[in-house]
Amino acid sequence: FLLACGLCQASHSVLYSFGTLTWRGAGIDDVTISALWAESVA
C-alpha cells in the first residue's frame, strides 16, 4: 500500500517542482497558470 500510493503521489513531482516554470516558459501568463492549478482542484 505504501509503495502503490506513494508512487502515485510522487509522480506529481515534476508538476509540483517545474509545472509553473514550464508553463511560464511557454508564454502562459500567471493569472492563467493560477487558473490551471485552481481548475485541477475544482
All heavy atoms as atom14 arrays in JSON, in Angstrom:
{
  "sequence": "FLLACGLCQASHSVLYSFGTLTWRGAGIDDVTISALWAESVA",
  "atom14_mask": [
    [1, 1, 1, 1, 1, 1, 1, 1, 1, 1, 1, 0, 0, 0],
    [1, 1, 1, 1, 1, 1, 1, 1, 0, 0, 0, 0, 0, 0],
    [1, 1, 1, 1, 1, 1, 1, 1, 0, 0, 0, 0, 0, 0],
    [1, 1, 1, 1, 1, 0, 0, 0, 0, 0, 0, 0, 0, 0],
    [1, 1, 1, 1, 1, 1, 0, 0, 0, 0, 0, 0, 0, 0],
    [1, 1, 1, 1, 0, 0, 0, 0, 0, 0, 0, 0, 0, 0],
    [1, 1, 1, 1, 1, 1, 1, 1, 0, 0, 0, 0, 0, 0],
    [1, 1, 1, 1, 1, 1, 0, 0, 0, 0, 0, 0, 0, 0],
    [1, 1, 1, 1, 1, 1, 1, 1, 1, 0, 0, 0, 0, 0],
    [1, 1, 1, 1, 1, 0, 0, 0, 0, 0, 0, 0, 0, 0],
    [1, 1, 1, 1, 1, 1, 0, 0, 0, 0, 0, 0, 0, 0],
    [1, 1, 1, 1, 1, 1, 1, 1, 1, 1, 0, 0, 0, 0],
    [1, 1, 1, 1, 1, 1, 0, 0, 0, 0, 0, 0, 0, 0],
    [1, 1, 1, 1, 1, 1, 1, 0, 0, 0, 0, 0, 0, 0],
    [1, 1, 1, 1, 1, 1, 1, 1, 0, 0, 0, 0, 0, 0],
    [1, 1, 1, 1, 1, 1, 1, 1, 1, 1, 1, 1, 0, 0],
    [1, 1, 1, 1, 1, 1, 0, 0, 0, 0, 0, 0, 0, 0],
    [1, 1, 1, 1, 1, 1, 1, 1, 1, 1, 1, 0, 0, 0],
    [1, 1, 1, 1, 0, 0, 0, 0, 0, 0, 0, 0, 0, 0],
    [1, 1, 1, 1, 1, 1, 1, 0, 0, 0, 0, 0, 0, 0],
    [1, 1, 1, 1, 1, 1, 1, 1, 0, 0, 0, 0, 0, 0],
    [1, 1, 1, 1, 1, 1, 1, 0, 0, 0, 0, 0, 0, 0],
    [1, 1, 1, 1, 1, 1, 1, 1, 1, 1, 1, 1, 1, 1],
    [1, 1, 1, 1, 1, 1, 1, 1, 1, 1, 1, 0, 0, 0],
    [1, 1, 1, 1, 0, 0, 0, 0, 0, 0, 0, 0, 0, 0],
    [1, 1, 1, 1, 1, 0, 0, 0, 0, 0, 0, 0, 0, 0],
    [1, 1, 1, 1, 0, 0, 0, 0, 0, 0, 0, 0, 0, 0],
    [1, 1, 1, 1, 1, 1, 1, 1, 0, 0, 0, 0, 0, 0],
    [1, 1, 1, 1, 1, 1, 1, 1, 0, 0, 0, 0, 0, 0],
    [1, 1, 1, 1, 1, 1, 1, 1, 0, 0, 0, 0, 0, 0],
    [1, 1, 1, 1, 1, 1, 1, 0, 0, 0, 0, 0, 0, 0],
    [1, 1, 1, 1, 1, 1, 1, 0, 0, 0, 0, 0, 0, 0],
    [1, 1, 1, 1, 1, 1, 1, 1, 0, 0, 0, 0, 0, 0],
    [1, 1, 1, 1, 1, 1, 0, 0, 0, 0, 0, 0, 0, 0],
    [1, 1, 1, 1, 1, 0, 0, 0, 0, 0, 0, 0, 0, 0],
    [1, 1, 1, 1, 1, 1, 1, 1, 0, 0, 0, 0, 0, 0],
    [1, 1, 1, 1, 1, 1, 1, 1, 1, 1, 1, 1, 1, 1],
    [1, 1, 1, 1, 1, 0, 0, 0, 0, 0, 0, 0, 0, 0],
    [1, 1, 1, 1, 1, 1, 1, 1, 1, 0, 0, 0, 0, 0],
    [1, 1, 1, 1, 1, 1, 0, 0, 0, 0, 0, 0, 0, 0],
    [1, 1, 1, 1, 1, 1, 1, 0, 0, 0, 0, 0, 0, 0],
    [1, 1, 1, 1, 1, 0, 0, 0, 0, 0, 0, 0, 0, 0]
  ],
  "atom14_positions": [
    [[0.84, -1.21, 0.0], [0.0, 0.0, 0.0], [0.87, 1.25, 0.0], [0.63, 2.19, -0.78], [-0.92, -0.02, 1.23], [-1.37, 1.33, 1.68], [-2.33, 2.04, 0.97], [-0.83, 1.91, 2.83], [-2.73, 3.31, 1.39], [-1.23, 3.17, 3.24], [-2.18, 3.87, 2.52], [0.0, 0.0, 0.0], [0.0, 0.0, 0.0], [0.0, 0.0, 0.0]],
    [[1.88, 1.3, 0.87], [2.78, 2.45, 0.91], [3.44, 2.68, -0.44], [3.56, 3.82, -0.91], [3.86, 2.24, 1.98], [3.44, 2.25, 3.44], [4.66, 2.03, 4.34], [2.74, 3.56, 3.81], [0.0, 0.0, 0.0], [0.0, 0.0, 0.0], [0.0, 0.0, 0.0], [0.0, 0.0, 0.0], [0.0, 0.0, 0.0], [0.0, 0.0, 0.0]],
    [[3.85, 1.6, -1.07], [4.56, 1.72, -2.36], [3.62, 2.19, -3.46], [3.94, 3.1, -4.23], [5.17, 0.37, -2.72], [6.18, 0.36, -3.88], [7.33, 1.31, -3.6], [6.7, -1.05, -4.12], [0.0, 0.0, 0.0], [0.0, 0.0, 0.0], [0.0, 0.0, 0.0], [0.0, 0.0, 0.0], [0.0, 0.0, 0.0], [0.0, 0.0, 0.0]],
    [[2.43, 1.59, -3.55], [1.49, 1.93, -4.63], [1.02, 3.39, -4.51], [1.1, 4.16, -5.48], [0.29, 0.98, -4.62], [0.0, 0.0, 0.0], [0.0, 0.0, 0.0], [0.0, 0.0, 0.0], [0.0, 0.0, 0.0], [0.0, 0.0, 0.0], [0.0, 0.0, 0.0], [0.0, 0.0, 0.0], [0.0, 0.0, 0.0], [0.0, 0.0, 0.0]],
    [[0.55, 3.77, -3.33], [0.06, 5.14, -3.15], [1.2, 6.15, -3.14], [1.06, 7.27, -3.64], [-0.75, 5.25, -1.86], [-2.33, 4.38, -1.93], [0.0, 0.0, 0.0], [0.0, 0.0, 0.0], [0.0, 0.0, 0.0], [0.0, 0.0, 0.0], [0.0, 0.0, 0.0], [0.0, 0.0, 0.0], [0.0, 0.0, 0.0], [0.0, 0.0, 0.0]],
    [[2.33, 5.76, -2.57], [3.48, 6.66, -2.55], [3.96, 7.0, -3.94], [4.26, 8.16, -4.26], [0.0, 0.0, 0.0], [0.0, 0.0, 0.0], [0.0, 0.0, 0.0], [0.0, 0.0, 0.0], [0.0, 0.0, 0.0], [0.0, 0.0, 0.0], [0.0, 0.0, 0.0], [0.0, 0.0, 0.0], [0.0, 0.0, 0.0], [0.0, 0.0, 0.0]],
    [[4.04, 6.01, -4.81], [4.48, 6.25, -6.18], [3.45, 7.07, -6.95], [3.81, 7.91, -7.78], [4.76, 4.93, -6.89], [6.02, 4.19, -6.43], [6.08, 2.79, -7.03], [7.27, 4.98, -6.8], [0.0, 0.0, 0.0], [0.0, 0.0, 0.0], [0.0, 0.0, 0.0], [0.0, 0.0, 0.0], [0.0, 0.0, 0.0], [0.0, 0.0, 0.0]],
    [[2.16, 6.84, -6.68], [1.14, 7.63, -7.36], [1.28, 9.11, -7.0], [1.25, 9.98, -7.87], [-0.26, 7.12, -6.98], [-1.61, 7.91, -7.89], [0.0, 0.0, 0.0], [0.0, 0.0, 0.0], [0.0, 0.0, 0.0], [0.0, 0.0, 0.0], [0.0, 0.0, 0.0], [0.0, 0.0, 0.0], [0.0, 0.0, 0.0], [0.0, 0.0, 0.0]],
    [[1.45, 9.39, -5.7], [1.59, 10.79, -5.29], [2.95, 11.37, -5.71], [3.05, 12.53, -6.09], [1.41, 10.91, -3.77], [0.05, 10.47, -3.25], [-1.1, 11.32, -3.8], [-0.92, 12.29, -4.52], [-2.33, 10.93, -3.47], [0.0, 0.0, 0.0], [0.0, 0.0, 0.0], [0.0, 0.0, 0.0], [0.0, 0.0, 0.0], [0.0, 0.0, 0.0]],
    [[4.01, 10.56, -5.67], [5.33, 11.03, -6.08], [5.39, 11.34, -7.57], [6.24, 12.12, -8.01], [6.39, 9.99, -5.72], [0.0, 0.0, 0.0], [0.0, 0.0, 0.0], [0.0, 0.0, 0.0], [0.0, 0.0, 0.0], [0.0, 0.0, 0.0], [0.0, 0.0, 0.0], [0.0, 0.0, 0.0], [0.0, 0.0, 0.0], [0.0, 0.0, 0.0]],
    [[4.5, 10.76, -8.35], [4.51, 11.02, -9.79], [4.15, 12.46, -10.12], [4.32, 12.9, -11.25], [3.54, 10.06, -10.51], [2.19, 10.39, -10.25], [0.0, 0.0, 0.0], [0.0, 0.0, 0.0], [0.0, 0.0, 0.0], [0.0, 0.0, 0.0], [0.0, 0.0, 0.0], [0.0, 0.0, 0.0], [0.0, 0.0, 0.0], [0.0, 0.0, 0.0]],
    [[3.67, 13.21, -9.13], [3.38, 14.64, -9.33], [4.63, 15.51, -9.19], [4.54, 16.74, -9.32], [2.34, 15.12, -8.3], [0.99, 14.48, -8.43], [0.7, 13.23, -7.96], [-0.16, 14.95, -8.99], [-0.57, 12.94, -8.22], [-1.11, 13.96, -8.84], [0.0, 0.0, 0.0], [0.0, 0.0, 0.0], [0.0, 0.0, 0.0], [0.0, 0.0, 0.0]],
    [[5.78, 14.93, -8.92], [6.97, 15.7, -8.55], [7.4, 16.71, -9.61], [7.72, 17.86, -9.29], [8.14, 14.75, -8.24], [7.85, 13.98, -7.1], [0.0, 0.0, 0.0], [0.0, 0.0, 0.0], [0.0, 0.0, 0.0], [0.0, 0.0, 0.0], [0.0, 0.0, 0.0], [0.0, 0.0, 0.0], [0.0, 0.0, 0.0], [0.0, 0.0, 0.0]],
    [[7.42, 16.32, -10.88], [7.81, 17.26, -11.93], [6.79, 18.38, -12.03], [7.14, 19.56, -12.17], [7.98, 16.55, -13.28], [8.14, 17.56, -14.42], [9.19, 15.62, -13.25], [0.0, 0.0, 0.0], [0.0, 0.0, 0.0], [0.0, 0.0, 0.0], [0.0, 0.0, 0.0], [0.0, 0.0, 0.0], [0.0, 0.0, 0.0], [0.0, 0.0, 0.0]],
    [[5.51, 18.05, -11.92], [4.46, 19.07, -11.98], [4.61, 20.06, -10.83], [4.56, 21.27, -11.04], [3.09, 18.4, -11.92], [1.89, 19.36, -11.9], [1.75, 20.07, -13.24], [0.61, 18.61, -11.55], [0.0, 0.0, 0.0], [0.0, 0.0, 0.0], [0.0, 0.0, 0.0], [0.0, 0.0, 0.0], [0.0, 0.0, 0.0], [0.0, 0.0, 0.0]],
    [[4.78, 19.55, -9.6], [4.88, 20.43, -8.45], [6.14, 21.28, -8.48], [6.13, 22.44, -8.06], [4.86, 19.61, -7.16], [3.54, 18.92, -6.86], [3.48, 17.89, -5.93], [2.37, 19.28, -7.51], [2.28, 17.25, -5.64], [1.17, 18.65, -7.24], [1.13, 17.63, -6.3], [-0.06, 16.99, -6.01], [0.0, 0.0, 0.0], [0.0, 0.0, 0.0]],
    [[7.25, 20.72, -8.96], [8.52, 21.44, -8.96], [8.65, 22.38, -10.16], [9.17, 23.5, -10.02], [9.69, 20.46, -8.97], [9.66, 19.61, -7.85], [0.0, 0.0, 0.0], [0.0, 0.0, 0.0], [0.0, 0.0, 0.0], [0.0, 0.0, 0.0], [0.0, 0.0, 0.0], [0.0, 0.0, 0.0], [0.0, 0.0, 0.0], [0.0, 0.0, 0.0]],
    [[8.21, 21.92, -11.33], [8.53, 22.66, -12.54], [7.34, 22.94, -13.46], [7.51, 23.47, -14.55], [9.6, 21.88, -13.35], [10.86, 21.64, -12.57], [11.15, 20.38, -12.05], [11.74, 22.68, -12.33], [12.31, 20.16, -11.32], [12.91, 22.47, -11.6], [13.19, 21.21, -11.1], [0.0, 0.0, 0.0], [0.0, 0.0, 0.0], [0.0, 0.0, 0.0]],
    [[6.12, 22.58, -13.02], [4.96, 22.82, -13.87], [4.76, 24.29, -14.17], [4.64, 24.7, -15.34], [0.0, 0.0, 0.0], [0.0, 0.0, 0.0], [0.0, 0.0, 0.0], [0.0, 0.0, 0.0], [0.0, 0.0, 0.0], [0.0, 0.0, 0.0], [0.0, 0.0, 0.0], [0.0, 0.0, 0.0], [0.0, 0.0, 0.0], [0.0, 0.0, 0.0]],
    [[4.75, 25.13, -13.14], [4.56, 26.56, -13.34], [5.68, 27.16, -14.17], [5.44, 27.99, -15.06], [4.47, 27.28, -11.98], [3.31, 26.81, -11.28], [4.35, 28.79, -12.16], [0.0, 0.0, 0.0], [0.0, 0.0, 0.0], [0.0, 0.0, 0.0], [0.0, 0.0, 0.0], [0.0, 0.0, 0.0], [0.0, 0.0, 0.0], [0.0, 0.0, 0.0]],
    [[6.93, 26.74, -13.91], [8.06, 27.26, -14.67], [7.97, 26.85, -16.14], [8.28, 27.65, -17.04], [9.37, 26.75, -14.07], [9.68, 27.22, -12.64], [10.94, 26.54, -12.11], [9.83, 28.74, -12.59], [0.0, 0.0, 0.0], [0.0, 0.0, 0.0], [0.0, 0.0, 0.0], [0.0, 0.0, 0.0], [0.0, 0.0, 0.0], [0.0, 0.0, 0.0]],
    [[7.51, 25.63, -16.4], [7.34, 25.16, -17.79], [6.29, 26.0, -18.51], [6.5, 26.43, -19.65], [6.93, 23.68, -17.81], [7.96, 22.9, -17.21], [6.7, 23.19, -19.24], [0.0, 0.0, 0.0], [0.0, 0.0, 0.0], [0.0, 0.0, 0.0], [0.0, 0.0, 0.0], [0.0, 0.0, 0.0], [0.0, 0.0, 0.0], [0.0, 0.0, 0.0]],
    [[5.18, 26.24, -17.85], [4.09, 26.99, -18.49], [4.46, 28.45, -18.67], [4.1, 29.06, -19.68], [2.82, 26.83, -17.68], [2.4, 25.39, -17.53], [2.73, 24.36, -18.37], [1.6, 24.82, -16.51], [2.18, 23.18, -17.92], [1.48, 23.43, -16.78], [0.96, 25.33, -15.37], [0.75, 22.56, -15.97], [0.24, 24.47, -14.56], [0.14, 23.1, -14.86]],
    [[5.19, 29.01, -17.71], [5.67, 30.38, -17.88], [6.62, 30.47, -19.09], [6.57, 31.41, -19.86], [6.42, 30.85, -16.63], [5.52, 31.38, -15.52], [6.38, 31.86, -14.35], [5.89, 33.14, -13.84], [6.65, 34.06, -13.31], [7.97, 33.89, -13.25], [6.12, 35.18, -12.86], [0.0, 0.0, 0.0], [0.0, 0.0, 0.0], [0.0, 0.0, 0.0]],
    [[7.49, 29.46, -19.21], [8.42, 29.44, -20.33], [7.73, 29.31, -21.67], [8.27, 29.72, -22.71], [0.0, 0.0, 0.0], [0.0, 0.0, 0.0], [0.0, 0.0, 0.0], [0.0, 0.0, 0.0], [0.0, 0.0, 0.0], [0.0, 0.0, 0.0], [0.0, 0.0, 0.0], [0.0, 0.0, 0.0], [0.0, 0.0, 0.0], [0.0, 0.0, 0.0]],
    [[6.53, 28.75, -21.67], [5.75, 28.61, -22.9], [4.93, 29.85, -23.2], [4.18, 29.89, -24.18], [4.83, 27.4, -22.81], [0.0, 0.0, 0.0], [0.0, 0.0, 0.0], [0.0, 0.0, 0.0], [0.0, 0.0, 0.0], [0.0, 0.0, 0.0], [0.0, 0.0, 0.0], [0.0, 0.0, 0.0], [0.0, 0.0, 0.0], [0.0, 0.0, 0.0]],
    [[5.07, 30.9, -22.36], [4.37, 32.16, -22.62], [3.01, 32.29, -21.98], [2.27, 33.23, -22.28], [0.0, 0.0, 0.0], [0.0, 0.0, 0.0], [0.0, 0.0, 0.0], [0.0, 0.0, 0.0], [0.0, 0.0, 0.0], [0.0, 0.0, 0.0], [0.0, 0.0, 0.0], [0.0, 0.0, 0.0], [0.0, 0.0, 0.0], [0.0, 0.0, 0.0]],
    [[2.65, 31.36, -21.09], [1.35, 31.45, -20.42], [1.48, 32.41, -19.24], [2.43, 32.32, -18.46], [0.89, 30.05, -19.95], [0.81, 29.1, -21.15], [-0.45, 30.13, -19.25], [0.48, 27.66, -20.77], [0.0, 0.0, 0.0], [0.0, 0.0, 0.0], [0.0, 0.0, 0.0], [0.0, 0.0, 0.0], [0.0, 0.0, 0.0], [0.0, 0.0, 0.0]],
    [[0.54, 33.33, -19.1], [0.64, 34.35, -18.05], [0.27, 33.76, -16.69], [-0.35, 32.7, -16.59], [-0.26, 35.55, -18.37], [-1.73, 35.16, -18.38], [-2.37, 35.24, -17.32], [-2.24, 34.8, -19.47], [0.0, 0.0, 0.0], [0.0, 0.0, 0.0], [0.0, 0.0, 0.0], [0.0, 0.0, 0.0], [0.0, 0.0, 0.0], [0.0, 0.0, 0.0]],
    [[0.65, 34.48, -15.61], [0.49, 33.96, -14.26], [-0.96, 33.78, -13.84], [-1.3, 32.83, -13.13], [1.2, 34.9, -13.26], [2.71, 34.78, -13.33], [3.2, 33.64, -13.34], [3.39, 35.81, -13.41], [0.0, 0.0, 0.0], [0.0, 0.0, 0.0], [0.0, 0.0, 0.0], [0.0, 0.0, 0.0], [0.0, 0.0, 0.0], [0.0, 0.0, 0.0]],
    [[-1.84, 34.66, -14.27], [-3.25, 34.51, -13.92], [-3.83, 33.25, -14.54], [-4.57, 32.49, -13.9], [-4.06, 35.76, -14.34], [-5.55, 35.54, -14.1], [-3.58, 36.99, -13.58], [0.0, 0.0, 0.0], [0.0, 0.0, 0.0], [0.0, 0.0, 0.0], [0.0, 0.0, 0.0], [0.0, 0.0, 0.0], [0.0, 0.0, 0.0], [0.0, 0.0, 0.0]],
    [[-3.47, 32.98, -15.8], [-3.93, 31.76, -16.45], [-3.35, 30.53, -15.78], [-4.03, 29.51, -15.61], [-3.55, 31.77, -17.94], [-4.13, 32.92, -18.57], [-4.04, 30.52, -18.65], [0.0, 0.0, 0.0], [0.0, 0.0, 0.0], [0.0, 0.0, 0.0], [0.0, 0.0, 0.0], [0.0, 0.0, 0.0], [0.0, 0.0, 0.0], [0.0, 0.0, 0.0]],
    [[-2.08, 30.61, -15.39], [-1.44, 29.48, -14.7], [-2.15, 29.2, -13.38], [-2.43, 28.04, -13.04], [0.05, 29.76, -14.47], [0.8, 29.7, -15.81], [0.65, 28.75, -13.49], [2.25, 30.14, -15.72], [0.0, 0.0, 0.0], [0.0, 0.0, 0.0], [0.0, 0.0, 0.0], [0.0, 0.0, 0.0], [0.0, 0.0, 0.0], [0.0, 0.0, 0.0]],
    [[-2.48, 30.24, -12.64], [-3.2, 30.03, -11.38], [-4.57, 29.43, -11.64], [-5.06, 28.61, -10.86], [-3.33, 31.35, -10.61], [-4.16, 32.27, -11.29], [0.0, 0.0, 0.0], [0.0, 0.0, 0.0], [0.0, 0.0, 0.0], [0.0, 0.0, 0.0], [0.0, 0.0, 0.0], [0.0, 0.0, 0.0], [0.0, 0.0, 0.0], [0.0, 0.0, 0.0]],
    [[-5.18, 29.8, -12.77], [-6.47, 29.21, -13.13], [-6.32, 27.72, -13.45], [-7.2, 26.91, -13.12], [-7.07, 29.94, -14.32], [0.0, 0.0, 0.0], [0.0, 0.0, 0.0], [0.0, 0.0, 0.0], [0.0, 0.0, 0.0], [0.0, 0.0, 0.0], [0.0, 0.0, 0.0], [0.0, 0.0, 0.0], [0.0, 0.0, 0.0], [0.0, 0.0, 0.0]],
    [[-5.21, 27.33, -14.07], [-4.96, 25.92, -14.37], [-4.82, 25.12, -13.07], [-5.37, 24.02, -12.95], [-3.7, 25.77, -15.22], [-3.83, 26.13, -16.7], [-2.44, 26.15, -17.36], [-4.75, 25.14, -17.42], [0.0, 0.0, 0.0], [0.0, 0.0, 0.0], [0.0, 0.0, 0.0], [0.0, 0.0, 0.0], [0.0, 0.0, 0.0], [0.0, 0.0, 0.0]],
    [[-4.08, 25.66, -12.12], [-3.95, 24.99, -10.83], [-5.31, 24.91, -10.12], [-5.67, 23.87, -9.56], [-2.95, 25.73, -9.95], [-1.51, 25.48, -10.3], [-0.69, 26.31, -11.01], [-0.74, 24.32, -9.99], [0.55, 25.74, -11.14], [0.55, 24.52, -10.52], [-1.01, 23.14, -9.3], [1.58, 23.58, -10.38], [0.01, 22.2, -9.17], [1.28, 22.43, -9.7]],
    [[-6.04, 26.01, -10.15], [-7.34, 26.03, -9.49], [-8.31, 25.06, -10.14], [-9.1, 24.39, -9.46], [-7.91, 27.45, -9.52], [0.0, 0.0, 0.0], [0.0, 0.0, 0.0], [0.0, 0.0, 0.0], [0.0, 0.0, 0.0], [0.0, 0.0, 0.0], [0.0, 0.0, 0.0], [0.0, 0.0, 0.0], [0.0, 0.0, 0.0], [0.0, 0.0, 0.0]],
    [[-8.25, 24.98, -11.46], [-9.13, 24.06, -12.18], [-8.9, 22.62, -11.75], [-9.84, 21.84, -11.55], [-8.9, 24.19, -13.69], [-9.7, 23.2, -14.53], [-8.84, 22.43, -15.52], [-7.75, 22.91, -15.87], [-9.29, 21.36, -15.95], [0.0, 0.0, 0.0], [0.0, 0.0, 0.0], [0.0, 0.0, 0.0], [0.0, 0.0, 0.0], [0.0, 0.0, 0.0]],
    [[-7.63, 22.26, -11.58], [-7.32, 20.87, -11.2], [-7.94, 20.52, -9.86], [-8.43, 19.4, -9.66], [-5.8, 20.67, -11.15], [-5.22, 21.38, -10.07], [0.0, 0.0, 0.0], [0.0, 0.0, 0.0], [0.0, 0.0, 0.0], [0.0, 0.0, 0.0], [0.0, 0.0, 0.0], [0.0, 0.0, 0.0], [0.0, 0.0, 0.0], [0.0, 0.0, 0.0]],
    [[-7.97, 21.47, -8.94], [-8.53, 21.2, -7.62], [-10.05, 21.33, -7.64], [-10.75, 20.63, -6.9], [-7.92, 22.15, -6.58], [-8.43, 21.82, -5.19], [-6.4, 22.04, -6.6], [0.0, 0.0, 0.0], [0.0, 0.0, 0.0], [0.0, 0.0, 0.0], [0.0, 0.0, 0.0], [0.0, 0.0, 0.0], [0.0, 0.0, 0.0], [0.0, 0.0, 0.0]],
    [[-10.59, 22.19, -8.5], [-12.05, 22.29, -8.62], [-12.64, 20.96, -9.1], [-13.66, 20.5, -8.58], [-12.41, 23.42, -9.59], [0.0, 0.0, 0.0], [0.0, 0.0, 0.0], [0.0, 0.0, 0.0], [0.0, 0.0, 0.0], [0.0, 0.0, 0.0], [0.0, 0.0, 0.0], [0.0, 0.0, 0.0], [0.0, 0.0, 0.0], [0.0, 0.0, 0.0]]
  ]
}
